[in-house]
C-alpha atoms as a PDB file:
ATOM      1  CA  MET A   1    -399.851 -21.797 103.222  1.00  0.00           C
ATOM      2  CA  LYS A   2    -399.249 -25.345 104.380  1.00  0.00           C
ATOM      3  CA  GLN A   3    -399.259 -25.579 108.174  1.00  0.00           C
ATOM      4  CA  GLU A   4    -396.529 -27.568 109.889  1.00  0.00           C
ATOM      5  CA  GLY A   5    -396.544 -28.675 113.487  1.00  0.00           C
ATOM      6  CA  GLN A   6    -399.138 -30.182 115.769  1.00  0.00           C
ATOM      7  CA  PHE A   7    -402.318 -28.741 117.244  1.00  0.00           C
ATOM      8  CA  ARG A   8    -402.346 -28.890 121.044  1.00  0.00           C
ATOM      9  CA  HIS A   9    -405.135 -28.558 123.564  1.00  0.00           C
ATOM     10  CA  GLU A  10    -405.149 -25.227 125.380  1.00  0.00           C
ATOM     11  CA  LEU A  11    -407.350 -24.570 128.406  1.00  0.00           C
ATOM     12  CA  LYS A  12    -407.415 -21.334 130.399  1.00  0.00           C
ATOM     13  CA  PHE A  13    -408.457 -20.594 133.979  1.00  0.00           C
ATOM     14  CA  VAL A  14    -408.584 -17.342 135.943  1.00  0.00           C
ATOM     15  CA  VAL A  15    -407.302 -18.243 139.403  1.00  0.00           C
ATOM     16  CA  PRO A  16    -407.677 -16.268 142.659  1.00  0.00           C
ATOM     17  CA  TYR A  17    -404.304 -15.670 144.280  1.00  0.00           C
ATOM     18  CA  ALA A  18    -404.959 -17.914 147.282  1.00  0.00           C
ATOM     19  CA  GLU A  19    -405.961 -20.774 144.994  1.00  0.00           C
ATOM     20  CA  TYR A  20    -402.862 -20.149 142.869  1.00  0.00           C
ATOM     21  CA  LEU A  21    -400.651 -20.712 145.912  1.00  0.00           C
ATOM     22  CA  ALA A  22    -402.360 -24.043 146.625  1.00  0.00           C
ATOM     23  CA  LEU A  23    -402.251 -25.136 142.971  1.00  0.00           C
ATOM     24  CA  ARG A  24    -398.590 -24.233 142.622  1.00  0.00           C
ATOM     25  CA  SER A  25    -397.715 -26.269 145.686  1.00  0.00           C
ATOM     26  CA  ARG A  26    -399.570 -29.336 144.426  1.00  0.00           C
ATOM     27  CA  LEU A  27    -398.277 -29.128 140.860  1.00  0.00           C
ATOM     28  CA  ALA A  28    -394.675 -28.625 141.987  1.00  0.00           C
ATOM     29  CA  SER A  29    -394.828 -31.995 143.729  1.00  0.00           C
ATOM     30  CA  VAL A  30    -395.221 -33.871 140.428  1.00  0.00           C
ATOM     31  CA  MET A  31    -394.141 -31.428 137.691  1.00  0.00           C
ATOM     32  CA  LYS A  32    -390.722 -29.989 136.853  1.00  0.00           C
ATOM     33  CA  ARG A  33    -389.808 -26.342 136.577  1.00  0.00           C
ATOM     34  CA  ASP A  34    -389.137 -25.231 133.021  1.00  0.00           C
ATOM     35  CA  SER A  35    -385.379 -24.979 132.461  1.00  0.00           C
ATOM     36  CA  HIS A  36    -385.819 -21.575 130.788  1.00  0.00           C
ATOM     37  CA  ALA A  37    -387.127 -20.024 134.005  1.00  0.00           C
ATOM     38  CA  GLY A  38    -384.874 -18.007 136.276  1.00  0.00           C
ATOM     39  CA  ALA A  39    -383.871 -18.704 139.855  1.00  0.00           C
ATOM     40  CA  ASP A  40    -387.315 -17.628 141.073  1.00  0.00           C
ATOM     41  CA  GLY A  41    -389.024 -19.960 138.597  1.00  0.00           C
ATOM     42  CA  THR A  42    -390.306 -17.209 136.296  1.00  0.00           C
ATOM     43  CA  TYR A  43    -389.448 -15.251 133.174  1.00  0.00           C
ATOM     44  CA  CYS A  44    -390.914 -12.206 131.449  1.00  0.00           C
ATOM     45  CA  VAL A  45    -392.743 -12.398 128.125  1.00  0.00           C
ATOM     46  CA  HIS A  46    -392.929  -9.357 125.832  1.00  0.00           C
ATOM     47  CA  SER A  47    -394.969  -9.237 122.620  1.00  0.00           C
ATOM     48  CA  ILE A  48    -396.262  -6.821 120.028  1.00  0.00           C
ATOM     49  CA  TYR A  49    -399.522  -7.961 118.455  1.00  0.00           C
ATOM     50  CA  PHE A  50    -400.785  -7.113 114.983  1.00  0.00           C
ATOM     51  CA  ASP A  51    -404.342  -6.206 114.007  1.00  0.00           C
ATOM     52  CA  ASN A  52    -405.906  -4.260 111.164  1.00  0.00           C
ATOM     53  CA  LEU A  53    -407.665  -0.903 110.974  1.00  0.00           C
ATOM     54  CA  TRP A  54    -411.000  -2.563 111.778  1.00  0.00           C
ATOM     55  CA  ASP A  55    -409.667  -4.570 114.743  1.00  0.00           C
ATOM     56  CA  GLN A  56    -410.512  -7.851 113.059  1.00  0.00           C
ATOM     57  CA  VAL A  57    -408.407  -9.969 115.432  1.00  0.00           C
ATOM     58  CA  LEU A  58    -409.995  -8.352 118.483  1.00  0.00           C
ATOM     59  CA  ARG A  59    -413.555  -8.603 117.116  1.00  0.00           C
ATOM     60  CA  GLU A  60    -413.134 -12.272 116.160  1.00  0.00           C
ATOM     61  CA  LYS A  61    -412.044 -12.969 119.721  1.00  0.00           C
ATOM     62  CA  ILE A  62    -414.951 -11.037 121.246  1.00  0.00           C
ATOM     63  CA  ASN A  63    -417.441 -12.727 118.909  1.00  0.00           C
ATOM     64  CA  GLY A  64    -416.060 -16.170 119.732  1.00  0.00           C
ATOM     65  CA  LEU A  65    -415.193 -17.292 116.209  1.00  0.00           C
ATOM     66  CA  PRO A  66    -414.103 -20.945 116.508  1.00  0.00           C
ATOM     67  CA  ARG A  67    -411.136 -20.550 114.135  1.00  0.00           C
ATOM     68  CA  ARG A  68    -408.930 -17.477 114.183  1.00  0.00           C
ATOM     69  CA  GLU A  69    -405.292 -16.433 113.916  1.00  0.00           C
ATOM     70  CA  LYS A  70    -403.007 -13.648 115.086  1.00  0.00           C
ATOM     71  CA  PHE A  71    -399.433 -12.545 114.474  1.00  0.00           C
ATOM     72  CA  ARG A  72    -397.026 -11.279 117.102  1.00  0.00           C
ATOM     73  CA  ILE A  73    -393.332 -10.533 117.641  1.00  0.00           C
ATOM     74  CA  ARG A  74    -392.054 -11.959 120.915  1.00  0.00           C
ATOM     75  CA  TYR A  75    -388.983 -12.020 123.109  1.00  0.00           C
ATOM     76  CA  TYR A  76    -388.243 -13.111 126.678  1.00  0.00           C
ATOM     77  CA  ASN A  77    -386.758 -11.179 129.583  1.00  0.00           C
ATOM     78  CA  ASP A  78    -384.351  -8.587 128.131  1.00  0.00           C
ATOM     79  CA  ALA A  79    -383.154 -10.730 125.203  1.00  0.00           C
ATOM     80  CA  ILE A  80    -384.069  -8.257 122.436  1.00  0.00           C
ATOM     81  CA  PHE A  81    -381.441  -9.936 120.250  1.00  0.00           C
ATOM     82  CA  ASP A  82    -383.497 -13.171 120.270  1.00  0.00           C
ATOM     83  CA  LEU A  83    -386.778 -12.257 118.577  1.00  0.00           C
ATOM     84  CA  THR A  84    -389.416 -14.571 117.139  1.00  0.00           C
ATOM     85  CA  LEU A  85    -392.204 -13.825 114.698  1.00  0.00           C
ATOM     86  CA  GLU A  86    -395.128 -16.054 115.641  1.00  0.00           C
ATOM     87  CA  LYS A  87    -398.480 -16.949 114.167  1.00  0.00           C
ATOM     88  CA  LYS A  88    -400.963 -18.493 116.569  1.00  0.00           C
ATOM     89  CA  ILE A  89    -403.926 -20.408 115.168  1.00  0.00           C
ATOM     90  CA  LYS A  90    -406.896 -21.240 117.399  1.00  0.00           C
ATOM     91  CA  CYS A  91    -409.526 -23.816 116.507  1.00  0.00           C
ATOM     92  CA  GLY A  92    -411.851 -24.224 119.451  1.00  0.00           C
ATOM     93  CA  HIS A  93    -409.687 -25.378 122.355  1.00  0.00           C
ATOM     94  CA  LEU A  94    -406.941 -26.519 119.980  1.00  0.00           C
ATOM     95  CA  CYS A  95    -403.948 -24.317 119.311  1.00  0.00           C
ATOM     96  CA  LEU A  96    -401.078 -24.328 116.814  1.00  0.00           C
ATOM     97  CA  LYS A  97    -398.117 -21.972 117.085  1.00  0.00           C
ATOM     98  CA  LEU A  98    -395.739 -21.348 114.183  1.00  0.00           C
ATOM     99  CA  GLY A  99    -392.581 -19.310 114.572  1.00  0.00           C
ATOM    100  CA  THR A 100    -389.444 -18.118 112.854  1.00  0.00           C
ATOM    101  CA  ALA A 101    -386.428 -16.153 114.057  1.00  0.00           C
ATOM    102  CA  MET A 102    -386.241 -12.449 113.308  1.00  0.00           C
ATOM    103  CA  THR A 103    -383.213 -10.190 113.649  1.00  0.00           C
ATOM    104  CA  THR A 104    -383.329  -6.972 115.647  1.00  0.00           C
ATOM    105  CA  ALA A 105    -382.707  -4.974 112.459  1.00  0.00           C
ATOM    106  CA  GLU A 106    -385.571  -6.726 110.669  1.00  0.00           C
ATOM    107  CA  CYS A 107    -387.914  -6.085 113.570  1.00  0.00           C
ATOM    108  CA  GLN A 108    -386.958  -2.418 113.806  1.00  0.00           C
ATOM    109  CA  SER A 109    -387.508  -2.005 110.061  1.00  0.00           C
ATOM    110  CA  LEU A 110    -390.952  -3.603 110.280  1.00  0.00           C
ATOM    111  CA  LEU A 111    -392.013  -1.560 113.295  1.00  0.00           C
ATOM    112  CA  GLY A 112    -390.725   1.543 111.547  1.00  0.00           C
ATOM    113  CA  GLY A 113    -392.980   0.954 108.556  1.00  0.00           C
ATOM    114  CA  ASP A 114    -390.450  -0.580 106.140  1.00  0.00           C
ATOM    115  CA  ASP A 115    -391.712  -3.998 105.006  1.00  0.00           C
ATOM    116  CA  GLY A 116    -390.304  -4.241 101.484  1.00  0.00           C
ATOM    117  CA  TRP A 117    -387.523  -6.598 102.582  1.00  0.00           C
ATOM    118  CA  MET A 118    -390.142  -9.154 103.684  1.00  0.00           C
ATOM    119  CA  ARG A 119    -391.343  -9.896 100.164  1.00  0.00           C
ATOM    120  CA  SER A 120    -388.327 -12.083  99.300  1.00  0.00           C
ATOM    121  CA  HIS A 121    -387.464 -13.291 102.802  1.00  0.00           C
ATOM    122  CA  PRO A 122    -386.449 -16.970 103.003  1.00  0.00           C
ATOM    123  CA  ALA A 123    -388.893 -17.687 105.871  1.00  0.00           C
ATOM    124  CA  PRO A 124    -392.435 -18.515 104.609  1.00  0.00           C
ATOM    125  CA  LEU A 125    -393.987 -17.017 107.757  1.00  0.00           C
ATOM    126  CA  VAL A 126    -392.332 -13.650 107.113  1.00  0.00           C
ATOM    127  CA  ARG A 127    -393.571 -13.671 103.522  1.00  0.00           C
ATOM    128  CA  GLU A 128    -397.076 -14.571 104.710  1.00  0.00           C
ATOM    129  CA  LEU A 129    -397.115 -11.642 107.119  1.00  0.00           C
ATOM    130  CA  TYR A 130    -395.929  -9.388 104.285  1.00  0.00           C
ATOM    131  CA  VAL A 131    -398.911 -10.436 102.159  1.00  0.00           C
ATOM    132  CA  LYS A 132    -401.301  -9.773 105.036  1.00  0.00           C
ATOM    133  CA  LEU A 133    -399.716  -6.421 105.797  1.00  0.00           C
ATOM    134  CA  ARG A 134    -400.560  -5.459 102.217  1.00  0.00           C
ATOM    135  CA  THR A 135    -403.911  -7.208 101.723  1.00  0.00           C
ATOM    136  CA  GLN A 136    -405.435  -7.151 105.217  1.00  0.00           C
ATOM    137  CA  LEU A 137    -403.694  -3.954 106.365  1.00  0.00           C
ATOM    138  CA  LEU A 138    -402.272  -5.588 109.488  1.00  0.00           C
ATOM    139  CA  ARG A 139    -400.289  -3.175 111.652  1.00  0.00           C
ATOM    140  CA  PRO A 140    -398.464  -3.356 115.006  1.00  0.00           C
ATOM    141  CA  LYS A 141    -401.202  -2.533 117.500  1.00  0.00           C
ATOM    142  CA  VAL A 142    -400.317  -3.057 121.155  1.00  0.00           C
ATOM    143  CA  ARG A 143    -397.531  -4.221 123.423  1.00  0.00           C
ATOM    144  CA  VAL A 144    -398.310  -6.946 125.984  1.00  0.00           C
ATOM    145  CA  SER A 145    -395.975  -8.000 128.807  1.00  0.00           C
ATOM    146  CA  TYR A 146    -396.420 -10.393 131.701  1.00  0.00           C
ATOM    147  CA  LEU A 147    -394.615 -12.618 134.182  1.00  0.00           C
ATOM    148  CA  ARG A 148    -394.811 -16.360 133.489  1.00  0.00           C
ATOM    149  CA  GLU A 149    -394.229 -19.267 135.890  1.00  0.00           C
ATOM    150  CA  PRO A 150    -394.001 -22.533 133.889  1.00  0.00           C
ATOM    151  CA  TYR A 151    -394.210 -26.214 134.826  1.00  0.00           C
ATOM    152  CA  ILE A 152    -393.798 -29.266 132.582  1.00  0.00           C
ATOM    153  CA  TYR A 153    -394.804 -32.929 132.732  1.00  0.00           C
ATOM    154  CA  ALA A 154    -393.404 -35.405 130.209  1.00  0.00           C
ATOM    155  CA  ALA A 155    -396.423 -37.710 129.832  1.00  0.00           C
ATOM    156  CA  GLY A 156    -398.835 -36.047 127.421  1.00  0.00           C
ATOM    157  CA  ASN A 157    -396.302 -33.247 126.847  1.00  0.00           C
ATOM    158  CA  VAL A 158    -398.106 -31.154 129.455  1.00  0.00           C
ATOM    159  CA  ARG A 159    -397.173 -27.553 130.103  1.00  0.00           C
ATOM    160  CA  ILE A 160    -398.912 -25.512 132.798  1.00  0.00           C
ATOM    161  CA  THR A 161    -398.152 -21.829 133.200  1.00  0.00           C
ATOM    162  CA  PHE A 162    -399.266 -19.133 135.617  1.00  0.00           C
ATOM    163  CA  ASP A 163    -399.276 -15.661 134.058  1.00  0.00           C
ATOM    164  CA  SER A 164    -399.472 -12.528 136.191  1.00  0.00           C
ATOM    165  CA  GLU A 165    -398.594  -8.813 136.230  1.00  0.00           C
ATOM    166  CA  ILE A 166    -400.156  -8.306 132.800  1.00  0.00           C
ATOM    167  CA  ARG A 167    -399.005  -4.915 131.522  1.00  0.00           C
ATOM    168  CA  THR A 168    -399.524  -3.007 128.306  1.00  0.00           C
ATOM    169  CA  SER A 169    -398.570   0.041 126.337  1.00  0.00           C
ATOM    170  CA  LEU A 170    -399.876   1.202 122.996  1.00  0.00           C
ATOM    171  CA  TYR A 171    -397.541   0.300 120.162  1.00  0.00           C
ATOM    172  CA  ASP A 172    -394.619   2.614 119.520  1.00  0.00           C
ATOM    173  CA  ARG A 173    -391.348   2.354 117.625  1.00  0.00           C
ATOM    174  CA  GLU A 174    -389.260   2.252 120.785  1.00  0.00           C
ATOM    175  CA  PHE A 175    -390.425  -1.313 121.510  1.00  0.00           C
ATOM    176  CA  LEU A 176    -386.893  -2.721 121.499  1.00  0.00           C
ATOM    177  CA  ARG A 177    -385.228   0.090 123.411  1.00  0.00           C
ATOM    178  CA  GLY A 178    -386.733  -0.623 126.813  1.00  0.00           C
ATOM    179  CA  GLN A 179    -388.147   2.896 127.103  1.00  0.00           C
ATOM    180  CA  ASN A 180    -391.838   2.030 126.947  1.00  0.00           C
ATOM    181  CA  THR A 181    -394.198   3.416 129.556  1.00  0.00           C
ATOM    182  CA  ASP A 182    -396.610   0.650 130.445  1.00  0.00           C
ATOM    183  CA  PHE A 183    -399.287   0.003 133.070  1.00  0.00           C
ATOM    184  CA  TYR A 184    -401.303  -2.847 134.554  1.00  0.00           C
ATOM    185  CA  ALA A 185    -404.031  -4.040 132.197  1.00  0.00           C
ATOM    186  CA  ALA A 186    -405.945  -6.517 134.371  1.00  0.00           C
ATOM    187  CA  GLU A 187    -408.581  -5.172 136.740  1.00  0.00           C
ATOM    188  CA  CYS A 188    -406.647  -6.717 139.640  1.00  0.00           C
ATOM    189  CA  PRO A 189    -402.810  -6.788 139.483  1.00  0.00           C
ATOM    190  CA  GLN A 190    -402.846 -10.116 141.338  1.00  0.00           C
ATOM    191  CA  THR A 191    -404.950 -11.783 138.640  1.00  0.00           C
ATOM    192  CA  MET A 192    -403.397 -15.161 137.839  1.00  0.00           C
ATOM    193  CA  VAL A 193    -404.140 -16.827 134.504  1.00  0.00           C
ATOM    194  CA  MET A 194    -403.450 -20.559 134.414  1.00  0.00           C
ATOM    195  CA  GLU A 195    -402.949 -22.112 130.977  1.00  0.00           C
ATOM    196  CA  VAL A 196    -402.946 -25.885 130.566  1.00  0.00           C
ATOM    197  CA  LYS A 197    -401.502 -27.185 127.279  1.00  0.00           C
ATOM    198  CA  TYR A 198    -401.108 -30.803 126.228  1.00  0.00           C
ATOM    199  CA  ASP A 199    -401.036 -33.051 123.164  1.00  0.00           C
ATOM    200  CA  ALA A 200    -403.489 -35.938 122.791  1.00  0.00           C
ATOM    201  CA  TYR A 201    -404.442 -36.435 126.446  1.00  0.00           C
ATOM    202  CA  LEU A 202    -404.177 -34.871 129.869  1.00  0.00           C
ATOM    203  CA  PRO A 203    -402.805 -37.384 132.406  1.00  0.00           C
ATOM    204  CA  GLU A 204    -405.254 -38.180 135.180  1.00  0.00           C
ATOM    205  CA  VAL A 205    -402.818 -37.138 137.902  1.00  0.00           C
ATOM    206  CA  ILE A 206    -402.611 -33.622 136.416  1.00  0.00           C
ATOM    207  CA  ALA A 207    -406.355 -33.417 135.763  1.00  0.00           C
ATOM    208  CA  ASP A 208    -407.000 -34.276 139.411  1.00  0.00           C
ATOM    209  CA  LEU A 209    -404.505 -31.713 140.699  1.00  0.00           C
ATOM    210  CA  ILE A 210    -406.056 -28.780 138.847  1.00  0.00           C
ATOM    211  CA  GLN A 211    -409.596 -29.558 140.041  1.00  0.00           C
ATOM    212  CA  THR A 212    -410.151 -26.891 142.667  1.00  0.00           C
ATOM    213  CA  ASN A 213    -413.252 -25.221 144.088  1.00  0.00           C
ATOM    214  CA  GLY A 214    -413.646 -21.710 142.737  1.00  0.00           C
ATOM    215  CA  VAL A 215    -411.462 -22.355 139.685  1.00  0.00           C
ATOM    216  CA  ARG A 216    -413.219 -23.008 136.406  1.00  0.00           C
ATOM    217  CA  GLN A 217    -412.255 -23.057 132.785  1.00  0.00           C
ATOM    218  CA  GLN A 218    -413.048 -19.843 130.913  1.00  0.00           C
ATOM    219  CA  GLU A 219    -411.942 -17.774 127.959  1.00  0.00           C
ATOM    220  CA  PHE A 220    -409.263 -15.203 128.715  1.00  0.00           C
ATOM    221  CA  SER A 221    -407.258 -13.192 126.209  1.00  0.00           C
ATOM    222  CA  LYS A 222    -404.297 -11.137 127.397  1.00  0.00           C
ATOM    223  CA  TYR A 223    -404.415  -9.351 124.051  1.00  0.00           C
ATOM    224  CA  GLY A 224    -408.109  -8.593 124.535  1.00  0.00           C
ATOM    225  CA  VAL A 225    -407.542  -7.300 128.088  1.00  0.00           C
ATOM    226  CA  CYS A 226    -404.757  -5.011 126.895  1.00  0.00           C
ATOM    227  CA  ARG A 227    -406.813  -3.675 123.991  1.00  0.00           C
ATOM    228  CA  ARG A 228    -409.287  -2.147 126.445  1.00  0.00           C
ATOM    229  CA  PHE A 229    -406.958   0.860 126.532  1.00  0.00           C
ATOM    230  CA  GLY A 230    -406.750   1.500 122.810  1.00  0.00           C
END
């Protein structure tokens, strides 16, 4: 499948809560709040991730394979009528995200085990997932939810987010009905994950602002954290 779009740099940091407060204050002085955020500057992200019977996606992450991919269905806040099927491709610290809209009925059919309609779907990404459902035995595996606080900076197309309150539940068919029982997945509920994404370069002013004692770049997978429970 021909990939469209642009790879972006993606760096992750696990940030102690006190350092998060200082970073947020500094970044807010030069960056804008994302217009999609609510009055408190945040929104909720909900996803169901796919993996196969042998947990290939999880194992590739644990083993640190430089190039890997994963599929997920995502929506924001309570907008279950606005669903997106996404494929995320990682190549080192570069990331490419492809997406296509999915109707609630299509999503419910897929989660319910009916994928025949995908074979002739007009969206190439849906057809690709169909092939991998059949050949790689991908299946809905786990639900991941978290609170996101986003900031943007025009130069370099920089986007910095703070993710917290990471919660999970094992996959079930009631995903879109808001009846899932979930629980905190991170060892500490106040764990803050800072993600820094940009195109060709990271402006010096932003690079300087995120340099903080006790905060260092490291691998962190919300999917991996949530899969600790099943």
